[in-house]
Amino acid sequence: MLTDYSEGMVETVQKNLEGIPNIQYSQFNIEDIPYEDNSFDIIIANVVITFKGLNC
């Protein structure tokens, strides 16, 4: 699962990774994650603190 707050970023990454199997793409706000707790084994979050709380 590859996610981002920006729909444009998700679209760009999806184009750049075209052809790589088994990747799901989703756009959402980290304060409203649309998955149940414990849905993932590992989460990697880059630059999250920089944008948390900003209306970008």
N, C-alpha and C. Protein backbone atom coordinates (compact mmCIF):
# COMPACT_ATOMS: atom_id res chain seq x y z
N MET A 1 0.85 -1.17 0.00
CA MET A 1 0.00 0.00 0.00
C MET A 1 0.89 1.23 0.00
N LEU A 2 0.70 2.09 -0.96
CA LEU A 2 1.42 3.34 -1.05
C LEU A 2 0.40 4.46 -0.95
N THR A 3 0.59 5.36 0.02
CA THR A 3 -0.40 6.42 0.24
C THR A 3 0.27 7.78 0.31
N ASP A 4 -0.56 8.82 0.14
CA ASP A 4 -0.11 10.19 0.33
C ASP A 4 -1.33 11.06 0.56
N TYR A 5 -1.14 12.20 1.18
CA TYR A 5 -2.22 13.17 1.39
C TYR A 5 -2.63 13.82 0.06
N SER A 6 -1.66 13.98 -0.84
CA SER A 6 -1.88 14.66 -2.11
C SER A 6 -2.32 13.68 -3.20
N GLU A 7 -3.47 13.94 -3.78
CA GLU A 7 -3.94 13.09 -4.89
C GLU A 7 -2.98 13.15 -6.07
N GLY A 8 -2.41 14.34 -6.32
CA GLY A 8 -1.45 14.50 -7.41
C GLY A 8 -0.20 13.66 -7.20
N MET A 9 0.27 13.58 -5.96
CA MET A 9 1.46 12.76 -5.66
C MET A 9 1.16 11.29 -5.87
N VAL A 10 -0.01 10.85 -5.46
CA VAL A 10 -0.38 9.45 -5.66
C VAL A 10 -0.43 9.13 -7.16
N GLU A 11 -1.00 10.04 -7.94
CA GLU A 11 -1.07 9.83 -9.39
C GLU A 11 0.33 9.78 -10.01
N THR A 12 1.22 10.67 -9.59
CA THR A 12 2.58 10.70 -10.12
C THR A 12 3.33 9.43 -9.80
N VAL A 13 3.25 8.99 -8.55
CA VAL A 13 3.94 7.76 -8.14
C VAL A 13 3.37 6.56 -8.88
N GLN A 14 2.06 6.54 -9.04
CA GLN A 14 1.42 5.43 -9.76
C GLN A 14 1.96 5.34 -11.19
N LYS A 15 2.13 6.49 -11.85
CA LYS A 15 2.69 6.51 -13.21
C LYS A 15 4.15 6.04 -13.20
N ASN A 16 4.92 6.52 -12.21
CA ASN A 16 6.35 6.17 -12.14
C ASN A 16 6.58 4.69 -11.83
N LEU A 17 5.66 4.08 -11.12
CA LEU A 17 5.82 2.67 -10.74
C LEU A 17 4.97 1.73 -11.60
N GLU A 18 4.48 2.26 -12.70
CA GLU A 18 3.65 1.45 -13.60
C GLU A 18 4.39 0.17 -13.99
N GLY A 19 3.68 -0.93 -13.94
CA GLY A 19 4.27 -2.21 -14.31
C GLY A 19 4.82 -3.01 -13.13
N ILE A 20 4.94 -2.37 -11.97
CA ILE A 20 5.39 -3.11 -10.78
C ILE A 20 4.15 -3.72 -10.13
N PRO A 21 4.11 -5.04 -10.01
CA PRO A 21 2.90 -5.69 -9.49
C PRO A 21 2.74 -5.56 -7.98
N ASN A 22 1.54 -5.82 -7.52
CA ASN A 22 1.20 -5.93 -6.10
C ASN A 22 1.37 -4.65 -5.30
N ILE A 23 1.13 -3.49 -5.92
CA ILE A 23 1.13 -2.23 -5.19
C ILE A 23 -0.26 -1.62 -5.29
N GLN A 24 -0.82 -1.28 -4.14
CA GLN A 24 -2.09 -0.57 -4.10
C GLN A 24 -1.81 0.89 -3.78
N TYR A 25 -2.59 1.80 -4.35
CA TYR A 25 -2.39 3.23 -4.17
C TYR A 25 -3.64 3.83 -3.54
N SER A 26 -3.45 4.76 -2.61
CA SER A 26 -4.59 5.38 -1.95
C SER A 26 -4.23 6.77 -1.45
N GLN A 27 -5.18 7.69 -1.52
CA GLN A 27 -4.99 9.06 -1.04
C GLN A 27 -5.89 9.25 0.17
N PHE A 28 -5.32 9.67 1.31
CA PHE A 28 -6.12 10.00 2.48
C PHE A 28 -5.31 10.81 3.48
N ASN A 29 -6.01 11.41 4.42
CA ASN A 29 -5.41 12.21 5.49
C ASN A 29 -4.98 11.27 6.62
N ILE A 30 -3.79 11.47 7.17
CA ILE A 30 -3.32 10.58 8.24
C ILE A 30 -4.16 10.68 9.50
N GLU A 31 -4.97 11.72 9.61
CA GLU A 31 -5.84 11.85 10.78
C GLU A 31 -7.16 11.12 10.59
N ASP A 32 -7.36 10.52 9.41
CA ASP A 32 -8.59 9.79 9.13
C ASP A 32 -8.25 8.60 8.23
N ILE A 33 -7.47 7.67 8.74
CA ILE A 33 -7.02 6.50 7.97
C ILE A 33 -8.19 5.52 7.81
N PRO A 34 -8.54 5.18 6.57
CA PRO A 34 -9.72 4.35 6.32
C PRO A 34 -9.47 2.84 6.45
N TYR A 35 -8.64 2.44 7.41
CA TYR A 35 -8.36 1.03 7.64
C TYR A 35 -8.47 0.74 9.13
N GLU A 36 -8.86 -0.47 9.47
CA GLU A 36 -8.98 -0.85 10.87
C GLU A 36 -7.60 -0.93 11.52
N ASP A 37 -7.55 -0.76 12.84
CA ASP A 37 -6.30 -0.92 13.58
C ASP A 37 -5.72 -2.30 13.30
N ASN A 38 -4.41 -2.39 13.30
CA ASN A 38 -3.67 -3.64 13.09
C ASN A 38 -3.86 -4.23 11.69
N SER A 39 -4.19 -3.39 10.71
CA SER A 39 -4.35 -3.86 9.33
C SER A 39 -3.02 -4.07 8.62
N PHE A 40 -1.94 -3.46 9.14
CA PHE A 40 -0.65 -3.52 8.49
C PHE A 40 0.41 -4.04 9.45
N ASP A 41 1.37 -4.78 8.93
CA ASP A 41 2.48 -5.29 9.75
C ASP A 41 3.56 -4.21 9.94
N ILE A 42 3.80 -3.42 8.91
CA ILE A 42 4.85 -2.40 8.94
C ILE A 42 4.32 -1.12 8.30
N ILE A 43 4.67 0.01 8.91
CA ILE A 43 4.33 1.32 8.34
C ILE A 43 5.60 2.15 8.30
N ILE A 44 5.89 2.72 7.13
CA ILE A 44 7.03 3.62 6.98
C ILE A 44 6.45 4.99 6.64
N ALA A 45 6.76 5.98 7.45
CA ALA A 45 6.21 7.32 7.26
C ALA A 45 7.35 8.32 7.13
N ASN A 46 7.50 8.88 5.95
CA ASN A 46 8.54 9.88 5.71
C ASN A 46 7.93 11.28 5.67
N VAL A 47 8.53 12.22 6.34
CA VAL A 47 8.18 13.63 6.33
C VAL A 47 6.75 13.87 6.85
N VAL A 48 6.23 12.98 7.65
CA VAL A 48 4.86 13.12 8.15
C VAL A 48 4.75 14.26 9.15
N ILE A 49 5.69 14.37 10.07
CA ILE A 49 5.63 15.41 11.10
C ILE A 49 5.68 16.80 10.48
N THR A 50 6.38 16.95 9.37
CA THR A 50 6.49 18.24 8.70
C THR A 50 5.12 18.78 8.30
N PHE A 51 4.23 17.92 7.85
CA PHE A 51 2.95 18.37 7.31
C PHE A 51 1.77 18.16 8.23
N LYS A 52 1.93 17.42 9.31
CA LYS A 52 0.80 17.16 10.20
C LYS A 52 0.25 18.47 10.74
N GLY A 53 -1.04 18.66 10.62
CA GLY A 53 -1.68 19.84 11.14
C GLY A 53 -1.74 21.01 10.16
N LEU A 54 -1.11 20.88 9.00
CA LEU A 54 -1.15 21.94 8.01
C LEU A 54 -2.25 21.67 6.99
N ASN A 55 -2.88 22.67 6.51
CA ASN A 55 -3.86 22.51 5.43
C ASN A 55 -3.15 22.76 4.11
N CYS A 56 -2.44 21.76 3.63
CA CYS A 56 -1.66 21.89 2.40
C CYS A 56 -2.53 21.66 1.19
